[in-house]
Amino acid sequence: MDIASIHNLFLQCESVSIDTRKILPNSLFVAIKGDNFDANTFAAEALSKGAKFVLIDNSDYYIDERTVLVDNSLLALQQLAQFHRNYLKIPIIALTGSNGKTTTKELIHAVLSKVFNTKATVGNLNNHIGVPLTLLSFTKETEIGVVEMGANHKKEIEFLCQLATPDYGYITNFGKAHLEGFGGVEGVIEGKSEMYAYLSFANKTTFINLEDPIQVEKSKQLSSYTFGVNKSEADIAITSVQANPFVTITYNGFSIVTHLIGLYNANNINAALAIGTFFKVPLESIKEALENYIPENNRSQMVVKGSTTILLDAYNANPSSMAVAIDNFIQLDKPNKVLVLGDMFELGEESLFEHEQIVQRLSVVPDIRCFFIGKSFFDCAIDQENFQFYATFDGFSAYLIDYPLSDITLLIKGSRGMALERTLNFL
């Protein structure tokens, strides 16, 4: 069956699913093989749970006319998403970057939703499977789509842009993330810049933060809409930015006080402001959207437990995001500051060096108590009065049981695999 015919079946469905545990009635179930399972074996279960059609790539699991057999289910999902995107012909904003993608996406979505029927990537479904699912979630009622794109190796952003064919793009930054897959920082810059290459080829528009010299350099030949702090040449010139701990920005006489912590979130907020203004969302509505956005899922959250204020930023970490989070925490005018930092993953041969750099950065800040959690940090431990190193979270939590922390301002930052939000259970 060709993609156009499969698309006609898809239009009869209300959603797409790749997981029978989350299947909805009248959905299209796509059976994708994983490393440890073959989803074709769940075709009958999907139909029994209410799927209208199932798409499989193994004829042994053909059931009846509700079963669509293709050569490769993943490829068919991607081709279906591309076909659907061209069918809808709605404007799409794509964004990628080393840090801040998901927060920026949520802010853009909140701002644009004030005027437009806007749909955006759910959570961080931003890879070769997540982007097709996002595109297939758009409907004829969708007026603007916001698509987050993640990557851990070169050519991935290029591929995702070919699927989504975005009309607009934004790269949050170029940092030390997924160094192992990209082969170093230069590889990160090259990989993320694949979005610029697509936008240039397609003669589309990019949003540029003038405070980022790499963005400025890489986008010279692009049609762009710019923003920056005290940048008179910018299309959107923000007057001031401050954070103690919540980020407040001033633009065009409006003071916007957000619920996001850390100066490192200022660029995310500024990008949403610029994109909203580009799409002619009234400034009063932009202010309302940004001020009402509440972060969640361990991203830039403030949590209060008893006498302790926690800045919880434990969804992910890399050397770039870790450094800016630490720098922001250092400048906070708060007493009794404590840091809990967890290992940063996917750094390859640079891992020991990057963890040592973080430890050295903090070695000259004796007034902040620091707990370092994980094998990588433990391997570069130094003897300093305000430092404690634990190879495992269990060792750290055992310490907290005996010596609970209270009356402090606490920053928690680490890679997702460290699950440092568990610290809250011991406060």
Protein backbone atom coordinates (compact mmCIF):
# COMPACT_ATOMS: atom_id res chain seq x y z
CA MET A 1 0.00 0.00 0.00
CA ASP A 2 1.39 3.42 -0.93
CA ILE A 3 1.80 6.30 1.54
CA ALA A 4 -1.14 8.27 0.12
CA SER A 5 -3.45 5.29 0.78
CA ILE A 6 -2.04 4.82 4.28
CA HIS A 7 -2.61 8.53 4.89
CA ASN A 8 -6.27 8.11 3.95
CA LEU A 9 -6.53 5.40 6.61
CA PHE A 10 -4.68 7.63 9.09
CA LEU A 11 -7.23 10.43 8.54
CA GLN A 12 -9.93 8.04 9.74
CA CYS A 13 -8.06 7.68 13.05
CA GLU A 14 -7.91 10.05 15.99
CA SER A 15 -4.29 9.44 17.03
CA VAL A 16 -1.13 7.42 16.42
CA SER A 17 0.45 5.05 18.92
CA ILE A 18 3.61 2.96 19.05
CA ASP A 19 2.91 1.56 22.55
CA THR A 20 -0.08 -0.68 23.30
CA ARG A 21 0.12 0.38 26.97
CA LYS A 22 -0.92 3.88 25.92
CA ILE A 23 -3.20 3.06 23.02
CA LEU A 24 -6.38 5.06 22.51
CA PRO A 25 -9.63 4.06 20.75
CA ASN A 26 -9.77 4.67 16.99
CA SER A 27 -6.02 5.07 16.73
CA LEU A 28 -3.42 3.90 14.25
CA PHE A 29 -0.93 1.54 15.89
CA VAL A 30 2.50 1.40 14.27
CA ALA A 31 4.52 -1.69 15.16
CA ILE A 32 8.17 -0.63 15.41
CA LYS A 33 10.89 -3.13 16.22
CA GLY A 34 13.08 -2.29 19.22
CA ASP A 35 16.40 -3.66 20.36
CA ASN A 36 14.73 -6.11 22.73
CA PHE A 37 11.24 -6.62 21.27
CA ASP A 38 9.24 -6.89 18.07
CA ALA A 39 6.11 -4.74 18.27
CA ASN A 40 4.55 -6.75 15.45
CA THR A 41 3.70 -9.30 18.13
CA PHE A 42 1.37 -6.71 19.71
CA ALA A 43 -0.76 -6.12 16.60
CA ALA A 44 -3.69 -8.26 17.79
CA GLU A 45 -3.54 -6.68 21.24
CA ALA A 46 -3.64 -3.20 19.70
CA LEU A 47 -6.80 -4.05 17.77
CA SER A 48 -8.40 -5.58 20.84
CA LYS A 49 -7.72 -2.35 22.75
CA GLY A 50 -9.48 -0.22 20.15
CA ALA A 51 -6.98 0.55 17.41
CA LYS A 52 -8.75 1.13 14.11
CA PHE A 53 -5.77 0.00 12.01
CA VAL A 54 -2.36 -1.52 12.72
CA LEU A 55 0.73 -1.02 10.58
CA ILE A 56 3.13 -3.98 10.59
CA ASP A 57 6.24 -5.09 8.68
CA ASN A 58 6.07 -8.83 9.42
CA SER A 59 3.47 -10.80 7.44
CA ASP A 60 3.33 -13.50 10.14
CA TYR A 61 1.19 -11.11 12.19
CA TYR A 62 -1.32 -10.16 9.49
CA ILE A 63 -4.84 -10.42 10.92
CA ASP A 64 -7.44 -8.97 8.53
CA GLU A 65 -8.21 -5.88 6.44
CA ARG A 66 -7.43 -3.72 9.47
CA THR A 67 -3.79 -4.79 9.15
CA VAL A 68 -1.54 -2.75 6.86
CA LEU A 69 1.63 -4.55 5.77
CA VAL A 70 4.66 -2.45 4.79
CA ASP A 71 8.34 -3.20 4.20
CA ASN A 72 9.54 -1.18 7.19
CA SER A 73 7.22 0.24 9.85
CA LEU A 74 9.60 2.95 11.06
CA LEU A 75 10.27 4.18 7.54
CA ALA A 76 6.53 4.13 6.81
CA LEU A 77 5.86 6.19 9.95
CA GLN A 78 8.43 8.77 8.83
CA GLN A 79 7.09 8.90 5.27
CA LEU A 80 3.53 9.19 6.57
CA ALA A 81 4.53 12.10 8.79
CA GLN A 82 6.25 13.87 5.89
CA PHE A 83 3.21 13.31 3.66
CA HIS A 84 0.89 14.64 6.39
CA ARG A 85 3.05 17.71 6.92
CA ASN A 86 2.82 18.52 3.19
CA TYR A 87 -0.90 17.79 3.24
CA LEU A 88 -1.54 20.35 6.00
CA LYS A 89 0.83 23.05 4.69
CA ILE A 90 0.87 24.89 8.04
CA PRO A 91 3.78 27.08 9.19
CA ILE A 92 6.21 25.09 11.31
CA ILE A 93 8.85 26.42 13.70
CA ALA A 94 11.71 24.00 14.38
CA LEU A 95 14.17 24.36 17.21
CA THR A 96 17.27 22.54 18.35
CA GLY A 97 20.34 23.29 20.45
CA SER A 98 22.49 21.87 23.22
CA ASN A 99 20.57 23.33 26.16
CA GLY A 100 17.11 24.75 26.77
CA LYS A 101 15.25 23.18 23.83
CA THR A 102 12.27 21.89 25.76
CA THR A 103 11.84 24.96 27.96
CA THR A 104 12.09 27.26 24.94
CA LYS A 105 9.59 25.13 23.04
CA GLU A 106 7.12 25.31 25.93
CA LEU A 107 7.52 29.09 26.18
CA ILE A 108 7.03 29.58 22.43
CA HIS A 109 3.95 27.38 22.57
CA ALA A 110 2.52 29.34 25.51
CA VAL A 111 3.08 32.68 23.74
CA LEU A 112 1.75 31.70 20.30
CA SER A 113 -1.28 29.97 21.84
CA LYS A 114 -2.52 33.38 22.94
CA VAL A 115 -3.47 34.07 19.31
CA PHE A 116 -3.12 30.87 17.30
CA ASN A 117 -4.26 27.27 17.60
CA THR A 118 -0.74 26.03 18.30
CA LYS A 119 0.51 22.47 18.74
CA ALA A 120 4.00 21.54 19.90
CA THR A 121 6.17 18.53 20.62
CA VAL A 122 4.92 16.75 23.73
CA GLY A 123 7.65 16.36 26.34
CA ASN A 124 10.92 15.63 24.56
CA LEU A 125 9.66 13.46 21.68
CA ASN A 126 12.33 15.01 19.51
CA ASN A 127 14.12 12.17 17.69
CA HIS A 128 13.59 10.12 14.51
CA ILE A 129 10.45 8.61 16.06
CA GLY A 130 9.26 11.55 18.18
CA VAL A 131 9.33 14.12 15.37
CA PRO A 132 7.09 11.99 13.09
CA LEU A 133 4.67 11.47 15.98
CA THR A 134 4.64 15.23 16.58
CA LEU A 135 3.92 15.98 12.92
CA LEU A 136 1.10 13.43 12.92
CA SER A 137 -0.47 15.13 15.96
CA PHE A 138 -1.11 18.27 13.89
CA THR A 139 -4.60 18.61 12.40
CA LYS A 140 -6.46 20.91 10.01
CA GLU A 141 -7.32 23.02 13.06
CA THR A 142 -3.63 23.54 13.86
CA GLU A 143 -2.49 27.01 12.77
CA ILE A 144 1.19 26.83 13.83
CA GLY A 145 3.31 23.80 14.71
CA VAL A 146 6.35 23.90 16.99
CA VAL A 147 8.74 20.97 16.52
CA GLU A 148 11.63 20.26 18.88
CA MET A 149 14.56 18.40 17.31
CA GLY A 150 17.19 16.57 19.33
CA ALA A 151 20.38 14.96 18.10
CA ASN A 152 23.38 13.06 19.43
CA HIS A 153 25.26 12.69 16.15
CA LYS A 154 25.79 14.47 12.85
CA LYS A 155 23.22 14.31 10.03
CA GLU A 156 20.35 13.79 12.50
CA ILE A 157 19.11 17.40 12.38
CA GLU A 158 19.46 17.35 8.60
CA PHE A 159 17.21 14.28 8.45
CA LEU A 160 14.62 15.73 10.84
CA CYS A 161 14.48 18.97 8.85
CA GLN A 162 13.81 16.96 5.69
CA LEU A 163 10.88 15.33 7.49
CA ALA A 164 9.38 18.47 9.00
CA THR A 165 10.40 20.98 6.28
CA PRO A 166 10.21 23.90 8.76
CA ASP A 167 9.43 27.45 7.67
CA TYR A 168 11.26 28.94 10.65
CA GLY A 169 14.12 27.74 12.84
CA TYR A 170 15.91 28.58 16.06
CA ILE A 171 19.04 27.07 17.61
CA THR A 172 19.15 27.78 21.34
CA ASN A 173 22.93 27.43 21.67
CA PHE A 174 25.97 25.30 20.86
CA GLY A 175 27.25 23.63 24.02
CA LYS A 176 29.14 20.62 25.31
CA ALA A 177 26.35 18.10 24.97
CA HIS A 178 26.59 14.58 23.46
CA LEU A 179 30.30 15.10 22.85
CA GLU A 180 30.78 11.36 22.47
CA GLY A 181 28.39 11.10 19.52
CA PHE A 182 29.35 14.37 17.84
CA GLY A 183 33.09 13.90 18.31
CA GLY A 184 33.70 17.12 20.21
CA VAL A 185 32.42 20.70 20.35
CA GLU A 186 33.19 21.40 16.67
CA GLY A 187 31.06 18.38 15.81
CA VAL A 188 28.22 19.78 17.93
CA ILE A 189 28.38 23.09 16.06
CA GLU A 190 28.45 21.32 12.70
CA GLY A 191 25.58 19.02 13.64
CA LYS A 192 23.28 21.68 15.04
CA SER A 193 24.07 24.00 12.12
CA GLU A 194 22.46 21.48 9.79
CA MET A 195 19.27 23.40 10.59
CA TYR A 196 20.82 26.59 9.22
CA ALA A 197 21.86 24.71 6.09
CA TYR A 198 18.29 23.54 5.53
CA LEU A 199 16.79 27.00 6.16
CA SER A 200 19.30 28.56 3.77
CA PHE A 201 18.59 25.99 1.04
CA ALA A 202 14.83 26.41 1.45
CA ASN A 203 15.06 30.22 1.71
CA LYS A 204 13.33 30.22 5.10
CA THR A 205 13.68 32.41 8.20
CA THR A 206 15.78 31.85 11.30
CA PHE A 207 15.60 33.53 14.70
CA ILE A 208 19.01 34.67 15.94
CA ASN A 209 20.25 35.59 19.41
CA LEU A 210 22.79 38.35 18.74
CA GLU A 211 24.54 37.60 22.04
CA ASP A 212 25.70 34.25 20.67
CA PRO A 213 28.67 34.84 18.32
CA ILE A 214 28.34 31.36 16.82
CA GLN A 215 24.72 32.01 15.85
CA VAL A 216 25.69 35.36 14.35
CA GLU A 217 28.57 33.86 12.36
CA LYS A 218 26.68 30.80 11.11
CA SER A 219 23.58 32.75 10.00
CA LYS A 220 25.19 35.54 7.96
CA GLN A 221 23.66 34.36 4.69
CA LEU A 222 20.23 33.64 6.17
CA SER A 223 17.01 35.61 6.29
CA SER A 224 16.83 36.34 10.02
CA TYR A 225 14.86 38.02 12.79
CA THR A 226 17.10 38.99 15.70
CA PHE A 227 16.97 39.66 19.42
CA GLY A 228 19.45 40.57 22.14
CA VAL A 229 19.97 42.47 25.38
CA ASN A 230 20.97 46.10 24.82
CA LYS A 231 21.57 45.36 21.14
CA SER A 232 20.30 48.41 19.29
CA GLU A 233 20.65 46.64 15.94
CA ALA A 234 18.33 43.81 17.03
CA ASP A 235 14.75 43.54 15.84
CA ILE A 236 13.86 42.92 19.48
CA ALA A 237 16.15 44.83 21.85
CA ILE A 238 15.59 43.71 25.44
CA THR A 239 16.52 46.47 27.89
CA SER A 240 17.56 44.43 30.91
CA VAL A 241 17.71 40.92 32.37
CA GLN A 242 18.12 39.91 35.99
CA ALA A 243 17.55 36.83 38.14
CA ASN A 244 17.43 36.46 41.92
CA PRO A 245 16.40 33.71 41.53
CA PHE A 246 13.48 34.27 39.10
CA VAL A 247 14.25 35.75 35.71
CA THR A 248 12.85 39.23 35.02
CA ILE A 249 13.25 40.91 31.64
CA THR A 250 12.36 44.41 30.52
CA TYR A 251 11.26 45.20 26.97
CA ASN A 252 9.52 48.20 25.46
CA GLY A 253 8.49 49.48 28.89
CA PHE A 254 7.10 46.13 30.01
CA SER A 255 8.61 44.27 32.97
CA ILE A 256 8.06 40.52 32.65
CA VAL A 257 8.55 38.53 35.87
CA THR A 258 8.70 34.79 35.17
CA HIS A 259 8.65 31.63 37.28
CA LEU A 260 11.90 30.42 35.71
CA ILE A 261 15.08 30.39 37.78
CA GLY A 262 18.57 31.27 36.58
CA LEU A 263 20.01 33.77 34.14
CA TYR A 264 20.61 30.87 31.77
CA ASN A 265 16.85 30.87 31.11
CA ALA A 266 16.90 34.48 29.93
CA ASN A 267 17.75 33.54 26.34
CA ASN A 268 14.89 31.03 26.31
CA ILE A 269 12.48 33.72 27.46
CA ASN A 270 13.88 36.30 25.06
CA ALA A 271 13.50 33.89 22.14
CA ALA A 272 9.84 33.31 22.97
CA LEU A 273 9.32 37.07 23.23
CA ALA A 274 10.97 37.63 19.84
CA ILE A 275 9.05 34.84 18.10
CA GLY A 276 5.76 36.00 19.60
CA THR A 277 6.44 39.55 18.42
CA PHE A 278 7.38 38.29 14.95
CA PHE A 279 3.99 36.58 14.71
CA LYS A 280 2.28 39.78 15.96
CA VAL A 281 1.12 38.46 19.33
CA PRO A 282 0.26 41.58 21.41
CA LEU A 283 2.94 42.40 23.98
CA GLU A 284 0.38 42.30 26.79
CA SER A 285 -0.47 38.71 25.78
CA ILE A 286 3.20 37.74 25.55
CA LYS A 287 3.78 39.11 29.06
CA GLU A 288 0.80 37.17 30.40
CA ALA A 289 1.93 33.93 28.75
CA LEU A 290 5.51 34.18 30.02
CA GLU A 291 4.50 35.18 33.54
CA ASN A 292 1.96 32.35 33.80
CA TYR A 293 4.29 29.60 32.57
CA ILE A 294 5.16 27.24 35.44
CA PRO A 295 8.14 24.91 34.84
CA GLU A 296 7.79 21.24 35.73
CA ASN A 297 9.44 17.85 35.19
CA ASN A 298 12.55 18.82 37.22
CA ARG A 299 13.37 21.68 34.82
CA SER A 300 14.27 25.03 36.41
CA GLN A 301 11.75 24.54 39.20
CA MET A 302 11.68 26.15 42.62
CA VAL A 303 10.48 23.84 45.39
CA VAL A 304 10.10 24.77 49.05
CA LYS A 305 10.33 22.05 51.71
CA GLY A 306 10.09 23.38 55.23
CA SER A 307 12.88 25.90 55.72
CA THR A 308 14.75 24.82 52.57
CA THR A 309 14.42 26.42 49.14
CA ILE A 310 15.36 24.06 46.32
CA LEU A 311 16.29 25.09 42.80
CA LEU A 312 15.58 21.85 40.99
CA ASP A 313 17.21 21.52 37.57
CA ALA A 314 17.81 17.79 37.47
CA TYR A 315 16.25 16.84 34.14
CA ASN A 316 19.57 16.89 32.32
CA ALA A 317 23.12 18.22 32.45
CA ASN A 318 26.19 18.75 30.30
CA PRO A 319 29.31 20.86 30.90
CA SER A 320 27.76 23.97 29.35
CA SER A 321 24.47 23.88 31.24
CA MET A 322 26.24 22.84 34.46
CA ALA A 323 28.63 25.80 34.23
CA VAL A 324 25.92 28.42 33.71
CA ALA A 325 23.76 26.93 36.47
CA ILE A 326 26.69 27.07 38.89
CA ASP A 327 27.62 30.63 37.89
CA ASN A 328 24.03 31.75 38.38
CA PHE A 329 23.86 30.04 41.78
CA ILE A 330 27.10 31.67 42.91
CA GLN A 331 25.75 35.16 42.23
CA LEU A 332 22.47 34.59 44.11
CA ASP A 333 22.16 36.77 47.18
CA LYS A 334 21.05 33.94 49.48
CA PRO A 335 22.50 32.59 52.75
CA ASN A 336 23.56 28.99 53.43
CA LYS A 337 23.93 27.86 49.83
CA VAL A 338 24.43 24.15 49.04
CA LEU A 339 25.09 22.42 45.71
CA VAL A 340 24.21 18.82 44.84
CA LEU A 341 25.77 17.94 41.49
CA GLY A 342 25.50 14.64 39.64
CA ASP A 343 27.57 13.08 36.88
CA MET A 344 27.25 14.32 33.30
CA PHE A 345 26.82 11.54 30.74
CA GLU A 346 27.76 11.00 27.06
CA LEU A 347 31.02 12.94 27.24
CA GLY A 348 33.26 10.17 25.92
CA GLU A 349 36.99 10.78 26.28
CA GLU A 350 36.33 14.29 27.60
CA SER A 351 34.44 13.03 30.66
CA LEU A 352 37.23 13.15 33.26
CA PHE A 353 38.46 16.55 32.05
CA GLU A 354 34.98 18.11 32.07
CA HIS A 355 34.16 16.83 35.56
CA GLU A 356 37.51 18.09 36.82
CA GLN A 357 36.72 21.50 35.33
CA ILE A 358 33.50 21.70 37.33
CA VAL A 359 35.28 20.72 40.55
CA GLN A 360 38.02 23.29 39.92
CA ARG A 361 35.45 25.99 39.15
CA LEU A 362 33.94 25.46 42.61
CA SER A 363 37.23 25.05 44.48
CA VAL A 364 37.57 28.85 44.69
CA VAL A 365 34.08 29.29 46.19
CA PRO A 366 34.57 28.21 49.83
CA ASP A 367 31.28 29.64 51.09
CA ILE A 368 29.15 27.08 49.15
CA ARG A 369 28.89 23.54 50.44
CA CYS A 370 29.19 21.05 47.56
CA PHE A 371 28.10 17.44 47.26
CA PHE A 372 29.33 15.61 44.13
CA ILE A 373 27.46 12.42 43.25
CA GLY A 374 28.51 9.70 40.80
CA LYS A 375 31.56 7.76 39.69
CA SER A 376 32.88 10.44 37.33
CA PHE A 377 32.92 13.13 40.00
CA PHE A 378 34.24 10.62 42.54
CA ASP A 379 37.19 9.86 40.26
CA CYS A 380 38.32 13.50 40.37
CA ALA A 381 37.73 14.09 44.09
CA ILE A 382 39.91 16.59 45.90
CA ASP A 383 40.37 17.21 49.59
CA GLN A 384 38.56 20.44 50.45
CA GLU A 385 36.59 21.28 53.58
CA ASN A 386 33.37 22.29 51.83
CA PHE A 387 33.44 19.32 49.38
CA GLN A 388 32.00 15.81 49.77
CA PHE A 389 32.16 13.13 47.06
CA TYR A 390 29.97 10.02 46.78
CA ALA A 391 30.37 7.36 44.10
CA THR A 392 26.68 6.43 44.33
CA PHE A 393 23.43 8.13 45.27
CA ASP A 394 22.89 5.48 47.96
CA GLY A 395 26.03 6.66 49.73
CA PHE A 396 24.84 10.26 49.56
CA SER A 397 21.32 9.45 50.77
CA ALA A 398 22.75 7.47 53.72
CA TYR A 399 24.64 10.59 54.73
CA LEU A 400 21.45 12.70 54.50
CA ILE A 401 19.60 10.29 56.77
CA ASP A 402 22.22 10.81 59.46
CA TYR A 403 22.82 14.51 58.76
CA PRO A 404 19.69 16.05 57.22
CA LEU A 405 19.98 19.39 55.47
CA SER A 406 17.76 22.32 56.53
CA ASP A 407 17.61 26.11 56.46
CA ILE A 408 19.49 26.23 53.16
CA THR A 409 19.18 27.32 49.53
CA LEU A 410 19.91 24.24 47.46
CA LEU A 411 20.66 23.76 43.74
CA ILE A 412 20.27 20.22 42.38
CA LYS A 413 21.77 19.61 38.93
CA GLY A 414 22.73 16.41 37.13
CA SER A 415 22.09 14.18 34.11
CA ARG A 416 18.73 12.45 33.83
CA GLY A 417 20.23 9.05 34.59
CA MET A 418 21.36 10.29 38.02
CA ALA A 419 17.72 10.99 39.05
CA LEU A 420 18.89 13.56 41.60
CA GLU A 421 15.32 14.66 42.31
CA ARG A 422 15.42 11.75 44.77
CA THR A 423 17.32 14.11 47.04
CA LEU A 424 14.01 15.78 47.93
CA ASN A 425 12.90 12.61 49.73
CA PHE A 426 15.73 13.02 52.26
CA LEU A 427 15.29 16.70 53.10
